[in-house]
C-alpha atoms as a PDB file:
ATOM      1  CA  MET A   1      -4.513  -1.199-222.187  1.00  0.00           C
ATOM      2  CA  THR A   2      -3.884   1.040-219.505  1.00  0.00           C
ATOM      3  CA  ALA A   3      -1.708   3.906-218.777  1.00  0.00           C
ATOM      4  CA  THR A   4       1.776   2.753-217.849  1.00  0.00           C
ATOM      5  CA  ALA A   5       4.656   4.211-215.881  1.00  0.00           C
ATOM      6  CA  CYS A   6       6.855   4.462-219.327  1.00  0.00           C
ATOM      7  CA  GLY A   7       6.428   5.497-222.795  1.00  0.00           C
ATOM      8  CA  PRO A   8       8.010   7.287-225.707  1.00  0.00           C
ATOM      9  CA  VAL A   9       7.225  10.794-224.673  1.00  0.00           C
ATOM     10  CA  ASP A  10       8.775  12.510-221.687  1.00  0.00           C
ATOM     11  CA  GLY A  11       7.002  15.621-221.656  1.00  0.00           C
ATOM     12  CA  ALA A  12       4.154  15.654-219.265  1.00  0.00           C
ATOM     13  CA  VAL A  13       0.375  16.263-220.399  1.00  0.00           C
ATOM     14  CA  GLU A  14      -1.292  19.268-218.921  1.00  0.00           C
ATOM     15  CA  VAL A  15      -5.324  19.649-218.831  1.00  0.00           C
ATOM     16  CA  VAL A  16      -5.949  22.906-219.887  1.00  0.00           C
ATOM     17  CA  ASP A  17      -9.884  22.277-219.654  1.00  0.00           C
ATOM     18  CA  PRO A  18     -11.247  18.973-218.550  1.00  0.00           C
ATOM     19  CA  GLY A  19     -14.524  19.837-220.935  1.00  0.00           C
ATOM     20  CA  SER A  20     -17.931  18.420-220.634  1.00  0.00           C
ATOM     21  CA  PRO A  21     -19.300  15.634-223.108  1.00  0.00           C
ATOM     22  CA  GLY A  22     -21.749  17.246-225.330  1.00  0.00           C
ATOM     23  CA  LYS A  23     -21.198  20.475-224.395  1.00  0.00           C
ATOM     24  CA  ARG A  24     -17.371  21.387-224.946  1.00  0.00           C
ATOM     25  CA  PRO A  25     -14.402  19.409-225.923  1.00  0.00           C
ATOM     26  CA  ALA A  26     -11.438  18.827-223.296  1.00  0.00           C
ATOM     27  CA  ARG A  27      -7.985  20.551-224.257  1.00  0.00           C
ATOM     28  CA  THR A  28      -4.827  19.477-223.169  1.00  0.00           C
ATOM     29  CA  ALA A  29      -1.117  20.517-223.926  1.00  0.00           C
ATOM     30  CA  VAL A  30       2.470  19.050-223.778  1.00  0.00           C
ATOM     31  CA  ARG A  31       5.733  20.704-224.564  1.00  0.00           C
ATOM     32  CA  ILE A  32       7.889  18.870-226.918  1.00  0.00           C
ATOM     33  CA  ASP A  33      11.465  19.701-225.502  1.00  0.00           C
ATOM     34  CA  ALA A  34      14.327  19.335-227.643  1.00  0.00           C
ATOM     35  CA  THR A  35      15.842  16.776-225.089  1.00  0.00           C
ATOM     36  CA  GLU A  36      12.939  14.090-225.969  1.00  0.00           C
ATOM     37  CA  ARG A  37      14.661  10.806-226.130  1.00  0.00           C
ATOM     38  CA  VAL A  38      13.190  10.175-229.497  1.00  0.00           C
ATOM     39  CA  PHE A  39      14.692  12.841-231.365  1.00  0.00           C
ATOM     40  CA  ALA A  40      18.125  11.428-231.129  1.00  0.00           C
ATOM     41  CA  GLY A  41      16.973   8.549-233.070  1.00  0.00           C
ATOM     42  CA  HIS A  42      14.024   9.723-235.405  1.00  0.00           C
ATOM     43  CA  PHE A  43      15.473  11.362-238.465  1.00  0.00           C
ATOM     44  CA  PRO A  44      19.080  12.350-236.987  1.00  0.00           C
ATOM     45  CA  GLY A  45      20.062  15.667-238.277  1.00  0.00           C
ATOM     46  CA  PHE A  46      16.457  16.695-238.689  1.00  0.00           C
ATOM     47  CA  PRO A  47      14.459  15.459-235.814  1.00  0.00           C
ATOM     48  CA  VAL A  48      10.794  15.264-236.260  1.00  0.00           C
ATOM     49  CA  LEU A  49       8.360  13.769-233.362  1.00  0.00           C
ATOM     50  CA  PRO A  50       7.228  10.138-234.931  1.00  0.00           C
ATOM     51  CA  GLY A  51       3.517  10.212-235.797  1.00  0.00           C
ATOM     52  CA  MET A  52       2.968   7.436-233.146  1.00  0.00           C
ATOM     53  CA  CYS A  53       4.353   9.731-230.425  1.00  0.00           C
ATOM     54  CA  VAL A  54       1.625  12.200-231.578  1.00  0.00           C
ATOM     55  CA  VAL A  55      -0.736   9.403-230.983  1.00  0.00           C
ATOM     56  CA  GLU A  56       0.612   8.772-227.629  1.00  0.00           C
ATOM     57  CA  CYS A  57       0.013  12.582-226.807  1.00  0.00           C
ATOM     58  CA  ALA A  58      -3.451  11.929-227.679  1.00  0.00           C
ATOM     59  CA  HIS A  59      -3.864   8.773-225.817  1.00  0.00           C
ATOM     60  CA  ARG A  60      -2.391  10.262-222.517  1.00  0.00           C
ATOM     61  CA  GLY A  61      -4.598  13.402-223.002  1.00  0.00           C
ATOM     62  CA  ALA A  62      -7.613  11.071-223.438  1.00  0.00           C
ATOM     63  CA  LEU A  63      -6.862   9.049-220.229  1.00  0.00           C
ATOM     64  CA  ALA A  64      -6.507  12.589-218.364  1.00  0.00           C
ATOM     65  CA  THR A  65      -9.982  13.767-219.470  1.00  0.00           C
ATOM     66  CA  LEU A  66     -12.011  10.404-219.551  1.00  0.00           C
ATOM     67  CA  PRO A  67     -15.461  11.351-218.511  1.00  0.00           C
ATOM     68  CA  GLU A  68     -15.625   8.368-215.917  1.00  0.00           C
ATOM     69  CA  PRO A  69     -12.358   8.906-214.176  1.00  0.00           C
ATOM     70  CA  GLY A  70     -13.205   6.421-211.401  1.00  0.00           C
ATOM     71  CA  GLU A  71     -13.436   3.463-213.909  1.00  0.00           C
ATOM     72  CA  ALA A  72     -10.351   1.504-215.432  1.00  0.00           C
ATOM     73  CA  TRP A  73     -10.647   2.004-219.015  1.00  0.00           C
ATOM     74  CA  ALA A  74      -8.475   0.276-221.566  1.00  0.00           C
ATOM     75  CA  LEU A  75      -7.535   1.540-225.324  1.00  0.00           C
ATOM     76  CA  MET A  76      -9.122  -0.841-227.720  1.00  0.00           C
ATOM     77  CA  ALA A  77      -8.287   0.539-230.994  1.00  0.00           C
ATOM     78  CA  VAL A  78      -6.818   3.466-232.729  1.00  0.00           C
ATOM     79  CA  GLU A  79      -9.983   3.668-235.098  1.00  0.00           C
ATOM     80  CA  SER A  80      -8.076   6.178-237.298  1.00  0.00           C
ATOM     81  CA  SER A  81      -5.156   8.641-237.626  1.00  0.00           C
ATOM     82  CA  ARG A  82      -4.201  11.063-239.996  1.00  0.00           C
ATOM     83  CA  PHE A  83      -1.010  13.078-239.864  1.00  0.00           C
ATOM     84  CA  THR A  84      -0.983  16.407-241.405  1.00  0.00           C
ATOM     85  CA  GLY A  85       1.819  18.504-240.214  1.00  0.00           C
ATOM     86  CA  PRO A  86       5.040  17.851-238.451  1.00  0.00           C
ATOM     87  CA  VAL A  87       5.712  18.246-234.825  1.00  0.00           C
ATOM     88  CA  LEU A  88       9.109  19.817-234.106  1.00  0.00           C
ATOM     89  CA  PRO A  89      11.532  20.446-231.016  1.00  0.00           C
ATOM     90  CA  GLY A  90      10.172  23.367-228.989  1.00  0.00           C
ATOM     91  CA  ASP A  91       6.541  22.985-230.039  1.00  0.00           C
ATOM     92  CA  LEU A  92       3.526  23.269-227.753  1.00  0.00           C
ATOM     93  CA  LEU A  93       1.272  20.283-228.874  1.00  0.00           C
ATOM     94  CA  THR A  94      -2.219  20.978-228.065  1.00  0.00           C
ATOM     95  CA  CYS A  95      -5.100  18.570-228.157  1.00  0.00           C
ATOM     96  CA  GLU A  96      -8.875  19.148-228.482  1.00  0.00           C
ATOM     97  CA  ILE A  97     -10.618  16.036-227.455  1.00  0.00           C
ATOM     98  CA  THR A  98     -14.352  15.387-228.002  1.00  0.00           C
ATOM     99  CA  TRP A  99     -16.146  12.414-226.371  1.00  0.00           C
ATOM    100  CA  SER A 100     -19.104  10.251-227.267  1.00  0.00           C
ATOM    101  CA  ARG A 101     -20.428   7.210-225.431  1.00  0.00           C
ATOM    102  CA  GLU A 102     -21.410   4.339-227.652  1.00  0.00           C
ATOM    103  CA  ASP A 103     -22.647   0.748-226.956  1.00  0.00           C
ATOM    104  CA  GLY A 104     -20.641   0.780-223.475  1.00  0.00           C
ATOM    105  CA  ALA A 105     -17.515   2.453-224.850  1.00  0.00           C
ATOM    106  CA  TRP A 106     -15.955   5.698-225.042  1.00  0.00           C
ATOM    107  CA  ARG A 107     -14.953   7.171-228.253  1.00  0.00           C
ATOM    108  CA  CYS A 108     -12.929  10.637-228.739  1.00  0.00           C
ATOM    109  CA  ARG A 109     -11.829  12.689-231.627  1.00  0.00           C
ATOM    110  CA  VAL A 110      -8.617  14.336-231.071  1.00  0.00           C
ATOM    111  CA  ALA A 111      -7.475  17.406-233.236  1.00  0.00           C
ATOM    112  CA  ALA A 112      -3.705  17.801-232.430  1.00  0.00           C
ATOM    113  CA  ALA A 113      -2.121  20.851-233.544  1.00  0.00           C
ATOM    114  CA  THR A 114       1.110  23.389-233.293  1.00  0.00           C
ATOM    115  CA  ARG A 115       1.181  26.907-233.643  1.00  0.00           C
ATOM    116  CA  ARG A 116       1.726  26.232-237.262  1.00  0.00           C
ATOM    117  CA  GLY A 117      -1.576  24.481-237.449  1.00  0.00           C
ATOM    118  CA  PRO A 118      -3.097  21.025-237.685  1.00  0.00           C
ATOM    119  CA  ALA A 119      -0.624  18.140-236.904  1.00  0.00           C
ATOM    120  CA  ALA A 120      -2.836  15.187-236.643  1.00  0.00           C
ATOM    121  CA  LEU A 121      -6.763  13.858-236.307  1.00  0.00           C
ATOM    122  CA  VAL A 122      -6.880  10.832-234.254  1.00  0.00           C
ATOM    123  CA  ARG A 123     -10.112   8.803-233.305  1.00  0.00           C
ATOM    124  CA  LEU A 124      -9.646   6.364-230.226  1.00  0.00           C
ATOM    125  CA  ARG A 125     -11.803   3.705-228.594  1.00  0.00           C
ATOM    126  CA  TYR A 126     -11.823   2.740-225.066  1.00  0.00           C
ATOM    127  CA  ALA A 127     -13.848   0.167-223.006  1.00  0.00           C
ATOM    128  CA  ARG A 128     -13.591  -1.141-219.263  1.00  0.00           C
ATOM    129  CA  ASP A 129     -10.276  -2.758-218.546  1.00  0.00           C
ATOM    130  CA  GLY A 130     -11.013  -6.439-217.881  1.00  0.00           C
ATOM    131  CA  GLY A 131     -14.037  -6.583-219.817  1.00  0.00           C
ATOM    132  CA  PRO A 132     -14.719  -8.793-222.799  1.00  0.00           C
ATOM    133  CA  ARG A 133     -11.931  -8.107-225.429  1.00  0.00           C
ATOM    134  CA  PRO A 134     -12.902  -9.528-229.052  1.00  0.00           C
ATOM    135  CA  ALA A 135     -10.306 -12.211-230.213  1.00  0.00           C
ATOM    136  CA  PRO A 136      -8.399 -10.843-233.129  1.00  0.00           C
ATOM    137  CA  GLU A 137      -9.453 -12.473-236.459  1.00  0.00           C
ATOM    138  CA  ALA A 138      -6.805 -14.439-238.310  1.00  0.00           C
ATOM    139  CA  PRO A 139      -5.405 -11.845-240.944  1.00  0.00           C
ATOM    140  CA  ARG A 140      -5.115 -12.524-244.535  1.00  0.00           C
ATOM    141  CA  GLY A 141      -2.473 -14.480-245.172  1.00  0.00           C
ATOM    142  CA  PHE A 142      -1.773 -15.365-241.363  1.00  0.00           C
ATOM    143  CA  GLN A 143       0.257 -18.523-240.840  1.00  0.00           C
ATOM    144  CA  ALA A 144       0.035 -20.578-237.632  1.00  0.00           C
ATOM    145  CA  PRO A 145       2.701 -20.316-235.127  1.00  0.00           C
ATOM    146  CA  GLY A 146       5.843 -22.811-236.153  1.00  0.00           C
ATOM    147  CA  GLU A 147       4.959 -22.643-239.775  1.00  0.00           C
ATOM    148  CA  PRO A 148       7.547 -21.615-242.136  1.00  0.00           C
ATOM    149  CA  SER A 149       7.201 -17.988-243.180  1.00  0.00           C
ATOM    150  CA  ALA A 150       8.287 -18.729-246.673  1.00  0.00           C
ATOM    151  CA  PRO A 151       8.018 -21.720-249.059  1.00  0.00           C
ATOM    152  CA  PRO A 152      11.129 -23.722-249.007  1.00  0.00           C
ATOM    153  CA  GLY A 153      13.201 -23.727-252.083  1.00  0.00           C
ATOM    154  CA  ASP A 154      12.500 -20.247-253.054  1.00  0.00           C
ATOM    155  CA  PRO A 155      15.519 -17.989-252.206  1.00  0.00           C
ATOM    156  CA  ALA A 156      13.603 -14.693-252.955  1.00  0.00           C
ATOM    157  CA  HIS A 157      11.709 -15.073-250.103  1.00  0.00           C
ATOM    158  CA  ARG A 158      14.805 -16.030-247.564  1.00  0.00           C
ATOM    159  CA  VAL A 159      16.180 -12.579-247.794  1.00  0.00           C
ATOM    160  CA  ALA A 160      17.968 -11.851-244.289  1.00  0.00           C
ATOM    161  CA  ILE A 161      18.475  -8.398-243.584  1.00  0.00           C
ATOM    162  CA  THR A 162      20.739  -7.811-240.404  1.00  0.00           C
ATOM    163  CA  ALA A 163      21.047  -4.958-237.932  1.00  0.00           C
ATOM    164  CA  SER A 164      24.019  -3.497-240.005  1.00  0.00           C
ATOM    165  CA  ALA A 165      22.083  -3.654-243.274  1.00  0.00           C
ATOM    166  CA  LEU A 166      18.987  -1.959-241.799  1.00  0.00           C
ATOM    167  CA  LYS A 167      21.027   1.257-241.126  1.00  0.00           C
ATOM    168  CA  ARG A 168      21.791   1.446-244.655  1.00  0.00           C
ATOM    169  CA  LEU A 169      18.103   1.148-245.479  1.00  0.00           C
ATOM    170  CA  LEU A 170      16.446   3.190-242.719  1.00  0.00           C
ATOM    171  CA  PRO A 171      17.477   6.609-241.329  1.00  0.00           C
ATOM    172  CA  HIS A 172      16.337   5.467-237.720  1.00  0.00           C
ATOM    173  CA  ARG A 173      19.174   5.015-235.124  1.00  0.00           C
ATOM    174  CA  TYR A 174      19.304   4.278-231.419  1.00  0.00           C
ATOM    175  CA  PRO A 175      16.670   4.469-229.572  1.00  0.00           C
ATOM    176  CA  MET A 176      14.364   4.603-232.747  1.00  0.00           C
ATOM    177  CA  LEU A 177      15.671   1.877-234.719  1.00  0.00           C
ATOM    178  CA  LEU A 178      13.127  -0.583-233.637  1.00  0.00           C
ATOM    179  CA  VAL A 179      13.845  -3.571-235.812  1.00  0.00           C
ATOM    180  CA  ASP A 180      16.615  -6.212-235.216  1.00  0.00           C
ATOM    181  CA  ARG A 181      16.421  -8.304-238.306  1.00  0.00           C
ATOM    182  CA  VAL A 182      14.462  -8.768-241.158  1.00  0.00           C
ATOM    183  CA  THR A 183      14.064 -12.577-241.798  1.00  0.00           C
ATOM    184  CA  GLU A 184      11.908 -12.538-245.048  1.00  0.00           C
ATOM    185  CA  LEU A 185      11.205 -10.039-247.652  1.00  0.00           C
ATOM    186  CA  VAL A 186       9.229 -10.654-250.905  1.00  0.00           C
ATOM    187  CA  PRO A 187       9.743  -7.461-252.940  1.00  0.00           C
ATOM    188  CA  GLY A 188       6.566  -5.513-253.519  1.00  0.00           C
ATOM    189  CA  GLU A 189       4.635  -8.038-251.471  1.00  0.00           C
ATOM    190  CA  ARG A 190       5.414  -8.613-247.858  1.00  0.00           C
ATOM    191  CA  ALA A 191       8.171  -8.577-245.173  1.00  0.00           C
ATOM    192  CA  THR A 192       8.714 -10.375-241.628  1.00  0.00           C
ATOM    193  CA  GLY A 193      10.985  -8.832-239.120  1.00  0.00           C
ATOM    194  CA  TRP A 194      11.782  -9.528-235.519  1.00  0.00           C
ATOM    195  CA  LYS A 195      12.037  -7.236-232.579  1.00  0.00           C
ATOM    196  CA  ALA A 196      13.666  -8.374-229.083  1.00  0.00           C
ATOM    197  CA  VAL A 197      12.493  -6.741-226.208  1.00  0.00           C
ATOM    198  CA  SER A 198      14.468  -6.513-223.146  1.00  0.00           C
ATOM    199  CA  GLY A 199      14.184  -4.877-219.693  1.00  0.00           C
ATOM    200  CA  ASN A 200      17.187  -2.433-220.969  1.00  0.00           C
ATOM    201  CA  GLU A 201      14.785  -0.660-223.176  1.00  0.00           C
ATOM    202  CA  PRO A 202      15.299   3.172-222.881  1.00  0.00           C
ATOM    203  CA  TRP A 203      11.446   3.403-222.134  1.00  0.00           C
ATOM    204  CA  TYR A 204      12.080   1.683-218.857  1.00  0.00           C
ATOM    205  CA  GLU A 205      14.743   4.097-217.701  1.00  0.00           C
ATOM    206  CA  GLY A 206      13.719   5.573-214.310  1.00  0.00           C
ATOM    207  CA  LEU A 207      11.273   2.954-213.451  1.00  0.00           C
ATOM    208  CA  PRO A 208      11.436   2.667-209.653  1.00  0.00           C
ATOM    209  CA  ASP A 209      12.311  -0.795-208.189  1.00  0.00           C
ATOM    210  CA  LYS A 210       8.599  -0.904-206.862  1.00  0.00           C
ATOM    211  CA  ALA A 211       7.217  -1.024-210.271  1.00  0.00           C
ATOM    212  CA  GLY A 212       4.886  -3.711-211.134  1.00  0.00           C
ATOM    213  CA  ASP A 213       4.419  -6.061-214.067  1.00  0.00           C
ATOM    214  CA  GLN A 214       1.984  -3.729-215.545  1.00  0.00           C
ATOM    215  CA  ASP A 215       4.357  -0.759-215.579  1.00  0.00           C
ATOM    216  CA  HIS A 216       6.667  -2.850-217.925  1.00  0.00           C
ATOM    217  CA  HIS A 217       4.374  -3.499-220.521  1.00  0.00           C
ATOM    218  CA  TYR A 218       6.002  -2.340-223.644  1.00  0.00           C
ATOM    219  CA  PRO A 219       4.779   1.035-224.903  1.00  0.00           C
ATOM    220  CA  TRP A 220       2.054   0.063-227.427  1.00  0.00           C
ATOM    221  CA  THR A 221       2.900   3.216-229.740  1.00  0.00           C
ATOM    222  CA  VAL A 222       6.600   2.053-229.838  1.00  0.00           C
ATOM    223  CA  LEU A 223       5.539  -1.435-230.898  1.00  0.00           C
ATOM    224  CA  VAL A 224       3.246   0.060-233.850  1.00  0.00           C
ATOM    225  CA  GLU A 225       6.431   2.278-234.667  1.00  0.00           C
ATOM    226  CA  SER A 226       8.468  -1.277-234.742  1.00  0.00           C
ATOM    227  CA  TRP A 227       5.967  -2.706-237.190  1.00  0.00           C
ATOM    228  CA  CYS A 228       5.809   0.460-239.444  1.00  0.00           C
ATOM    229  CA  GLN A 229       9.668   0.155-239.806  1.00  0.00           C
ATOM    230  CA  VAL A 230       9.452  -3.541-241.071  1.00  0.00           C
ATOM    231  CA  ALA A 231       6.982  -2.315-243.600  1.00  0.00           C
ATOM    232  CA  ALA A 232       9.324   0.748-244.469  1.00  0.00           C
ATOM    233  CA  VAL A 233      11.887  -1.959-245.515  1.00  0.00           C
ATOM    234  CA  LEU A 234       9.562  -3.105-248.326  1.00  0.00           C
ATOM    235  CA  VAL A 235       9.865   0.707-249.579  1.00  0.00           C
ATOM    236  CA  THR A 236      13.675   1.027-249.220  1.00  0.00           C
ATOM    237  CA  ARG A 237      14.926  -2.263-250.115  1.00  0.00           C
ATOM    238  CA  ASP A 238      15.204  -0.866-253.758  1.00  0.00           C
ATOM    239  CA  ARG A 239      15.569   2.888-253.130  1.00  0.00           C
ATOM    240  CA  PRO A 240      17.531   3.127-249.831  1.00  0.00           C
ATOM    241  CA  ASN A 241      18.094   6.748-248.429  1.00  0.00           C
ATOM    242  CA  PRO A 242      19.234   6.586-244.815  1.00  0.00           C
ATOM    243  CA  GLU A 243      19.684  10.400-244.944  1.00  0.00           C
ATOM    244  CA  VAL A 244      17.110  12.925-244.249  1.00  0.00           C
ATOM    245  CA  LEU A 245      18.375  16.084-245.350  1.00  0.00           C
ATOM    246  CA  SER A 246      18.328  15.108-249.226  1.00  0.00           C
ATOM    247  CA  GLY A 247      16.415  12.991-251.373  1.00  0.00           C
ATOM    248  CA  GLN A 248      13.169  11.294-250.365  1.00  0.00           C
ATOM    249  CA  VAL A 249      11.849  11.083-246.889  1.00  0.00           C
ATOM    250  CA  MET A 250       9.377   8.325-245.606  1.00  0.00           C
ATOM    251  CA  LEU A 251       6.699   9.971-243.717  1.00  0.00           C
ATOM    252  CA  LEU A 252       3.733   8.156-242.044  1.00  0.00           C
ATOM    253  CA  GLY A 253       0.548   9.254-243.355  1.00  0.00           C
ATOM    254  CA  GLY A 254      -2.023   7.696-241.101  1.00  0.00           C
ATOM    255  CA  ILE A 255      -3.229   4.422-239.295  1.00  0.00           C
ATOM    256  CA  THR A 256      -6.664   2.691-239.384  1.00  0.00           C
ATOM    257  CA  ASP A 257      -8.070   0.038-237.005  1.00  0.00           C
ATOM    258  CA  ALA A 258      -4.856  -0.683-235.053  1.00  0.00           C
ATOM    259  CA  ARG A 259      -5.735  -2.974-232.093  1.00  0.00           C
ATOM    260  CA  PRO A 260      -3.501  -3.733-229.099  1.00  0.00           C
ATOM    261  CA  ALA A 261      -3.998  -7.361-227.889  1.00  0.00           C
ATOM    262  CA  ARG A 262      -2.193  -9.104-225.063  1.00  0.00           C
ATOM    263  CA  PRO A 263       0.705  -6.756-223.775  1.00  0.00           C
ATOM    264  CA  VAL A 264       4.497  -7.135-224.625  1.00  0.00           C
ATOM    265  CA  VAL A 265       6.757  -7.339-222.109  1.00  0.00           C
ATOM    266  CA  PRO A 266      10.839  -7.756-221.451  1.00  0.00           C
ATOM    267  CA  GLY A 267      11.643 -11.157-222.773  1.00  0.00           C
ATOM    268  CA  ASP A 268       9.213 -11.297-225.679  1.00  0.00           C
ATOM    269  CA  LEU A 269      10.450 -11.838-229.072  1.00  0.00           C
ATOM    270  CA  VAL A 270       8.020  -9.928-231.297  1.00  0.00           C
ATOM    271  CA  GLU A 271       7.567 -11.168-234.864  1.00  0.00           C
ATOM    272  CA  HIS A 272       6.206  -8.216-237.130  1.00  0.00           C
ATOM    273  CA  ARG A 273       4.330  -9.138-240.657  1.00  0.00           C
ATOM    274  CA  ALA A 274       3.887  -6.558-242.957  1.00  0.00           C
ATOM    275  CA  ARG A 275       2.188  -6.791-246.412  1.00  0.00           C
ATOM    276  CA  LEU A 276       1.935  -4.110-249.175  1.00  0.00           C
ATOM    277  CA  THR A 277      -1.799  -3.955-250.511  1.00  0.00           C
ATOM    278  CA  ARG A 278      -1.611  -1.177-252.576  1.00  0.00           C
ATOM    279  CA  ARG A 279       0.891   1.654-254.171  1.00  0.00           C
ATOM    280  CA  VAL A 280      -0.065   4.761-255.971  1.00  0.00           C
ATOM    281  CA  GLY A 281       2.902   6.829-257.115  1.00  0.00           C
ATOM    282  CA  ASP A 282       4.910   7.435-253.853  1.00  0.00           C
ATOM    283  CA  THR A 283       2.010   6.598-251.557  1.00  0.00           C
ATOM    284  CA  PHE A 284       2.183   2.889-250.021  1.00  0.00           C
ATOM    285  CA  VAL A 285      -0.683   1.074-248.233  1.00  0.00           C
ATOM    286  CA  PHE A 286       0.020  -1.869-245.888  1.00  0.00           C
ATOM    287  CA  GLU A 287      -1.538  -4.108-243.407  1.00  0.00           C
ATOM    288  CA  GLY A 288      -0.373  -6.775-241.155  1.00  0.00           C
ATOM    289  CA  GLU A 289      -0.095  -8.067-237.445  1.00  0.00           C
ATOM    290  CA  SER A 290       2.408  -8.762-234.631  1.00  0.00           C
ATOM    291  CA  ARG A 291       2.872 -11.895-232.621  1.00  0.00           C
ATOM    292  CA  ALA A 292       4.810 -12.976-229.603  1.00  0.00           C
ATOM    293  CA  GLY A 293       4.981 -16.198-227.959  1.00  0.00           C
ATOM    294  CA  GLY A 294       2.507 -17.671-230.493  1.00  0.00           C
ATOM    295  CA  GLU A 295       0.061 -14.988-229.569  1.00  0.00           C
ATOM    296  CA  ALA A 296      -1.323 -11.997-231.307  1.00  0.00           C
ATOM    297  CA  VAL A 297      -0.263  -8.870-229.743  1.00  0.00           C
ATOM    298  CA  LEU A 298      -0.952  -6.195-232.549  1.00  0.00           C
ATOM    299  CA  THR A 299      -3.408  -6.158-235.511  1.00  0.00           C
ATOM    300  CA  VAL A 300      -2.996  -3.181-238.113  1.00  0.00           C
ATOM    301  CA  GLY A 301      -5.832  -2.653-240.585  1.00  0.00           C
ATOM    302  CA  ARG A 302      -4.266  -0.216-242.747  1.00  0.00           C
ATOM    303  CA  MET A 303      -1.286   1.941-242.636  1.00  0.00           C
ATOM    304  CA  VAL A 304      -0.299   4.486-245.196  1.00  0.00           C
ATOM    305  CA  MET A 305       3.231   5.846-245.762  1.00  0.00           C
ATOM    306  CA  THR A 306       4.402   8.321-248.078  1.00  0.00           C
ATOM    307  CA  THR A 307       7.685   9.517-249.514  1.00  0.00           C
ATOM    308  CA  ARG A 308       8.265  13.409-249.680  1.00  0.00           C
ATOM    309  CA  PRO A 309      11.192  15.634-250.659  1.00  0.00           C
ATOM    310  CA  ALA A 310      13.311  16.387-247.854  1.00  0.00           C
ATOM    311  CA  ALA A 311      12.871  20.100-248.661  1.00  0.00           C
ATOM    312  CA  ASP A 312       9.123  19.896-247.628  1.00  0.00           C
ATOM    313  CA  LEU A 313      10.370  18.864-243.932  1.00  0.00           C
ATOM    314  CA  THR A 314      13.131  21.710-243.771  1.00  0.00           C
ATOM    315  CA  ALA A 315      10.618  24.367-245.087  1.00  0.00           C
ATOM    316  CA  ALA A 316       8.572  23.560-242.010  1.00  0.00           C
ATOM    317  CA  THR A 317      11.424  24.492-239.625  1.00  0.00           C
ATOM    318  CA  PRO A 318      10.210  27.139-237.059  1.00  0.00           C
ATOM    319  CA  THR A 319      12.214  30.536-236.912  1.00  0.00           C
ATOM    320  CA  GLY A 320      11.376  31.098-233.352  1.00  0.00           C
ATOM    321  CA  GLY A 321       9.989  29.765-230.265  1.00  0.00           C
ATOM    322  CA  GLU A 322       6.322  29.376-229.273  1.00  0.00           C
END
């Protein structure tokens, strides 16, 4: 997908050094102001920049430093991402971007950091926009559009979690509570949830009247965050903790092989499907996909979520400005 006029990060990306492939990496920076919209709903009371917003900053920095800027390039995959430190209000998030050309595509390795140290390591792949896009393979456990998502007669599979109930399971609030309803939950196995996209989403605020259809593409990083919240319900169903200042807090550890397919637009009803493939202690591994209108819009090869004591977050609070 190409750059759009809307997204979950308000701060502007500055190109500090455009770099030179094979010689030196590019460098970008973005100030994460305390007024960023996502902070109001992501861990209220102790705001932390969502991991997918860090990926968004890496993506914007990549678009700003692509070695072939005259071409139209589209993001084909988040090949990997690993989050190693929190990004907090007031941080200056810097990205060191190393480019390589392989098989007609551009790949980049992005090392994101704040003054406290590394924040994330992200690998992205881009291809010419409009070029051939491989069709997503049918994921394991995939069901065709219109097929019931749970076998009839099994009440354990028909757990409906409403919007009000989600607030008792997840710490997210507006505008970062990105699931409207969970329609199926098999504890320890899988969950299905829905997100209705409208033109009144906060990400579209400020779009000019002359903005085109492409400008209204739903931010792909927000779409992934929405899918992650459906996965999180599998963790919190039996251990709810809507607070973030005590107890265990869910943290995104990393995402591998996340591939956007066709864009999501206002009017779409997105179905997220998440499957728990492994658990080791307080670390959970998921896979899954999202569909809208009978078409794949996102596939996630692997997502790692972990829970940590809230004290681990509060200990990272900076004592002063940058």
